[in-house]
Protein backbone atom coordinates (compact mmCIF):
# COMPACT_ATOMS: atom_id res chain seq x y z
CA UNK A 1 54.27 39.29 -68.24
CA UNK A 2 53.27 38.72 -64.63
CA UNK A 3 54.75 41.93 -63.85
CA UNK A 4 52.68 43.60 -65.80
CA UNK A 5 49.39 42.48 -64.42
CA UNK A 6 50.94 43.67 -60.86
CA UNK A 7 51.50 46.51 -61.79
CA UNK A 8 47.82 47.02 -63.35
CA UNK A 9 46.16 45.89 -60.46
CA UNK A 10 48.85 48.51 -57.99
CA UNK A 11 47.49 50.54 -60.99
CA UNK A 12 43.78 50.50 -60.13
CA UNK A 13 43.98 51.17 -56.19
CA UNK A 14 42.49 53.91 -55.41
CA UNK A 15 44.95 56.33 -53.06
CA UNK A 16 42.28 57.98 -50.81
CA UNK A 17 41.78 53.82 -50.19
CA UNK A 18 45.08 52.89 -49.36
CA UNK A 19 45.74 56.71 -46.97
CA UNK A 20 42.19 55.78 -45.32
CA UNK A 21 43.35 51.87 -44.55
CA UNK A 22 46.58 53.21 -42.31
CA UNK A 23 44.53 55.97 -41.31
CA UNK A 24 42.44 53.20 -39.87
CA UNK A 25 45.50 51.40 -38.51
CA UNK A 26 47.05 54.38 -37.20
CA UNK A 27 43.99 55.14 -35.29
CA UNK A 28 42.81 51.29 -34.02
CA UNK A 29 46.47 51.05 -32.78
CA UNK A 30 46.43 54.74 -30.29
CA UNK A 31 43.40 53.15 -29.29
CA UNK A 32 44.08 49.99 -28.05
CA UNK A 33 47.87 50.11 -28.80
CA UNK A 34 48.14 51.23 -24.75
CA UNK A 35 45.32 48.93 -23.40
CA UNK A 36 45.43 45.58 -25.60
CA UNK A 37 48.93 44.30 -24.25
CA UNK A 38 47.12 44.45 -20.48
CA UNK A 39 43.94 43.43 -21.21
CA UNK A 40 44.67 40.71 -23.00
CA UNK A 41 47.24 39.56 -20.05
CA UNK A 42 44.63 39.66 -17.51
CA UNK A 43 41.90 38.09 -19.48
CA UNK A 44 44.56 35.68 -19.84
CA UNK A 45 45.71 35.12 -16.38
CA UNK A 46 41.74 34.55 -15.90
CA UNK A 47 41.82 31.43 -18.31
CA UNK A 48 42.14 28.79 -15.36
CA UNK A 49 38.90 31.15 -13.26
CA UNK A 50 35.43 29.39 -13.19
CA UNK A 51 33.23 31.63 -15.42
CA UNK A 52 31.36 33.86 -12.91
CA UNK A 53 35.40 34.56 -11.40
CA UNK A 54 36.48 35.26 -15.07
CA UNK A 55 33.82 37.55 -15.95
CA UNK A 56 33.70 39.81 -12.48
CA UNK A 57 37.89 39.48 -12.56
CA UNK A 58 37.58 40.67 -15.74
CA UNK A 59 34.77 43.50 -15.15
CA UNK A 60 35.35 44.95 -11.51
CA UNK A 61 38.95 43.46 -10.57
CA UNK A 62 40.53 40.82 -8.55
CA UNK A 63 39.79 42.09 -5.14
CA UNK A 64 36.34 41.64 -6.64
CA UNK A 65 36.30 38.51 -8.33
CA UNK A 66 37.32 36.89 -5.40
CA UNK A 67 35.15 38.30 -2.62
CA UNK A 68 32.22 37.25 -4.42
CA UNK A 69 34.35 32.82 -4.55
CA UNK A 70 34.73 34.26 -0.73
CA UNK A 71 31.31 34.53 -0.17
CA UNK A 72 29.67 31.52 -2.55
CA UNK A 73 31.90 30.00 -0.54
CA UNK A 74 30.36 30.79 2.62
CA UNK A 75 26.46 31.35 1.69
CA UNK A 76 24.84 27.72 1.46
CA UNK A 77 22.93 28.05 -2.30
CA UNK A 78 19.68 28.33 -0.74
CA UNK A 79 20.29 31.34 1.37
CA UNK A 80 18.92 35.49 1.22
CA UNK A 81 22.30 37.47 1.11
CA UNK A 82 21.54 41.05 2.37
CA UNK A 83 22.92 43.12 -0.36
CA UNK A 84 23.26 47.36 0.43
CA UNK A 85 21.99 49.74 -1.06
CA UNK A 86 23.55 50.57 -4.51
CA UNK A 87 24.01 54.46 -3.89
CA UNK A 88 25.82 52.84 -0.43
CA UNK A 89 28.54 50.43 -2.86
CA UNK A 90 27.42 50.05 -5.98
CA UNK A 91 29.33 47.30 -7.13
CA UNK A 92 27.90 45.18 -3.96
CA UNK A 93 24.38 47.02 -4.64
CA UNK A 94 23.93 46.67 -7.95
CA UNK A 95 21.30 43.83 -7.05
CA UNK A 96 21.80 42.63 -11.07
CA UNK A 97 25.27 41.54 -10.49
CA UNK A 98 24.86 40.22 -7.50
CA UNK A 99 21.66 37.74 -8.97
CA UNK A 100 24.65 36.67 -11.57
CA UNK A 101 27.81 36.69 -9.48
CA UNK A 102 25.86 34.75 -6.42
CA UNK A 103 23.33 32.62 -8.19
CA UNK A 104 21.20 30.43 -7.18
CA UNK A 105 20.93 32.94 -3.72
CA UNK A 106 18.06 35.21 -2.94
CA UNK A 107 19.18 39.06 -3.25
CA UNK A 108 17.77 41.08 -0.74
CA UNK A 109 18.37 44.27 0.70
CA UNK A 110 16.98 46.53 3.59
CA UNK A 111 15.80 49.67 3.20
CA UNK A 112 18.00 52.84 3.85
CA UNK A 113 14.92 54.48 5.99
CA UNK A 114 15.52 51.59 8.56
CA UNK A 115 18.58 50.01 7.63
CA UNK A 116 19.45 49.26 11.82
CA UNK A 117 15.73 47.76 12.47
CA UNK A 118 15.41 45.54 9.23
CA UNK A 119 19.54 44.60 10.09
CA UNK A 120 18.58 43.86 13.90
CA UNK A 121 15.45 41.67 12.27
CA UNK A 122 17.66 39.81 10.05
CA UNK A 123 18.04 36.20 12.46
CA UNK A 124 17.34 34.14 9.94
CA UNK A 125 19.21 30.86 10.25
CA UNK A 126 19.88 31.30 6.12
CA UNK A 127 19.88 34.16 6.07
CA UNK A 128 23.63 36.13 5.72
CA UNK A 129 24.85 39.37 4.73
CA UNK A 130 27.32 40.41 3.34
CA UNK A 131 30.45 43.22 4.87
CA UNK A 132 32.09 45.01 1.57
CA UNK A 133 33.10 47.32 2.79
CA UNK A 134 33.53 48.88 6.77
CA UNK A 135 30.18 50.96 7.10
CA UNK A 136 28.18 47.98 5.69
CA UNK A 137 26.59 46.85 6.91
CA UNK A 138 26.23 48.99 10.80
CA UNK A 139 28.50 46.86 12.95
CA UNK A 140 26.79 47.74 16.65
CA UNK A 141 23.43 46.41 14.41
CA UNK A 142 24.78 43.29 12.80
CA UNK A 143 26.96 42.22 15.65
CA UNK A 144 23.25 41.29 17.53
CA UNK A 145 22.42 39.46 15.87
CA UNK A 146 25.34 37.49 12.85
CA UNK A 147 28.91 35.77 13.38
CA UNK A 148 31.57 38.82 11.42
CA UNK A 149 33.29 35.50 9.58
CA UNK A 150 36.16 38.50 7.70
CA UNK A 151 37.42 38.15 4.16
CA UNK A 152 40.38 40.65 4.33
CA UNK A 153 40.48 43.71 6.71
CA UNK A 154 38.12 46.04 5.36
CA UNK A 155 35.54 43.10 4.12
CA UNK A 156 33.69 40.23 5.29
CA UNK A 157 30.16 38.36 5.63
CA UNK A 158 28.07 38.59 8.43
CA UNK A 159 26.95 34.37 9.21
CA UNK A 160 24.11 33.11 11.63
CA UNK A 161 24.30 32.96 14.80
CA UNK A 162 23.42 29.38 14.85
CA UNK A 163 25.69 26.80 15.41
CA UNK A 164 23.87 24.33 13.31
CA UNK A 165 24.90 27.24 10.77
CA UNK A 166 26.80 26.25 7.53
CA UNK A 167 29.58 29.02 7.28
CA UNK A 168 31.74 27.63 5.42
CA UNK A 169 34.70 28.57 7.12
CA UNK A 170 35.14 25.31 9.43
CA UNK A 171 34.30 27.57 12.77
CA UNK A 172 31.96 26.93 15.22
């Protein structure tokens, strides 16, 4: 009796729906089969970091996330952070991303047309300049008004020259 009922249920299944279902499953496998294990591993590895680090790491990579953590460790929360223009370095120049990742710090940029003059006027004790690449900020100008704290061979942060500044690196 049960076999007969099971047979009736299968007899009612539309073969085109079965084929459609198999097609959807195969498309999902093709789309996500190669990428899903890597993304899942990336998410699993990022579980120990802060929420901001995780989002930065998954979205823009670990190097970006580590640099953001370096900046947050070296810049007080009430400071002003000068970033490049988006045309110069898109991810570090994106005001929305920087506001999210560096909150509650204030974010500003210098106009490209007056970049050198703008950098030379950044002498405040609570103003910091991102140096995410070798090309921003112009080192010959930033070195006159700030002290460079390296992150790696290509990037770092310009901190105030004042001895009582909070640079977070322990050196004065």
